[in-house]
Amino acid sequence: MSESLSFSVVINTDGRREHLERTLESLRFLSYDNFEACVVYGPTPDGTKELLQQRENEIKIAACQARNIARSRNIGIALAAGDIIAFIDDDAIPDPEWLTDLAKSYRTAEVAAAGGFVYDNTGVAFQTEFETTDRLGYADSSWQAPAPHTNFPFSAAYPHLLGTNCSIRKSALLEIGGFDEEYEYFLEETDVCCRLNDAGFKIDQRSDAFVHHKYAPSDIRNEHKVLSNWYPLIKNRIYFGLRNARYHHSLREIVEAGLRDINKYGSDLRRRLADGVCVQEDLDRFNAQSDAAVEDGIVRGLQPKRKLLSAETIAAFRSPFLSYKAGPARSSNRKPDDSEGMSAETVAAPQSAP
């Protein structure tokens, strides 16, 4: 099969050398030939830089000096030379047909973004199937089919693609200004989907293009998904609402969304404190972070300009396409009639789950 569309697979990584190595190796088994791999690594000194230097003839490499996922993704956009940029996390493994499936969505020029299902760390259940997100950044995962009828500018809710299985035309990303670098973590891809939607672009949700997400620990949570840094979650909830919900919600409602998150995290933390799982210092740190997050979310959300992809970043990291060396394609376990999956192209009248 000859693939005319070129893909740039962008992996943003920080402090997960072993997971990253598995993700990179899994790309060798993709059934789609016309793609490159772009890795942007963060500031944590765990041997990731040295690992990537061993593969510098196979993959494109760049450093992000700040622990900021949106900044790292923007560097990935600048580094990418493909028609379509496909984002996958450093703790995720794609099915061999991942890019082949995503490419089907781009048969029509109207589609600017596409993503598929994401398995959770069990490899059996799904972390994400079809979902929409509202103007406060809350997801609705009850959908049983794609939601193209929500995909119009300034809709109250719109189709959402999870950041670990999200592909977007590079031209569309450049048109909207890439990612907003205020999102150091959390809601950065939700914000991009919102801005693509409001710019009139079509977002295609697929029931194939599978990715397996291992959910590795990070600097804000441990291996048991227990949070240790609440600041970006609260701050970005408020910031997101101020940027995207002003036509739908009052300022009070937007701030209250952040306060609800504070109450939820605080209740969980106090329960763990009573169980002896954490200590008073954790609760004190949470309270300090919460106050700072509310203030910063409001102040930054009311600024006139966003922190978008800059011309300087594009110029600094622009590079020619570098085809990734593929290995023998794995055989597919799909039934022949499942090869197309379910997408917004094939479902005319999706219904929300009751």
Foldseek 3Di string as FASTA:
>chain_A
DDDPFAEEEEEEEEPCQVLLVVQVQLQQQAPDFRYAYEYEYEDHPDCNVVVVVVCVQFHHYHYDDDLAVQVSVLLSLLQDDTQKYWYAYSNKHWANHLVVLVVVVPPDVLAFKEFAWECEQVNPHTPAHWWKAFQLGDIDRQFPAHDQVQQAALRRIHTAHDRRTMMGGSVLCVVLQGWFRVQSDPCRRVLVRNSCSNVNGGYKYFHDSYMYGNPADDPQAHRVRQGQACQSVLLVSLLSNLQGPVVPDPNVVSLVVSVVVLVVSLVVVVVCCVVVNDHVVSNVVSVVSSVVSSVNSVVVSPDPDTRGNDPVSSVVNHDDGNTHNHDHHDDDPDDPVCVNTGMCVNDPDTDGHD
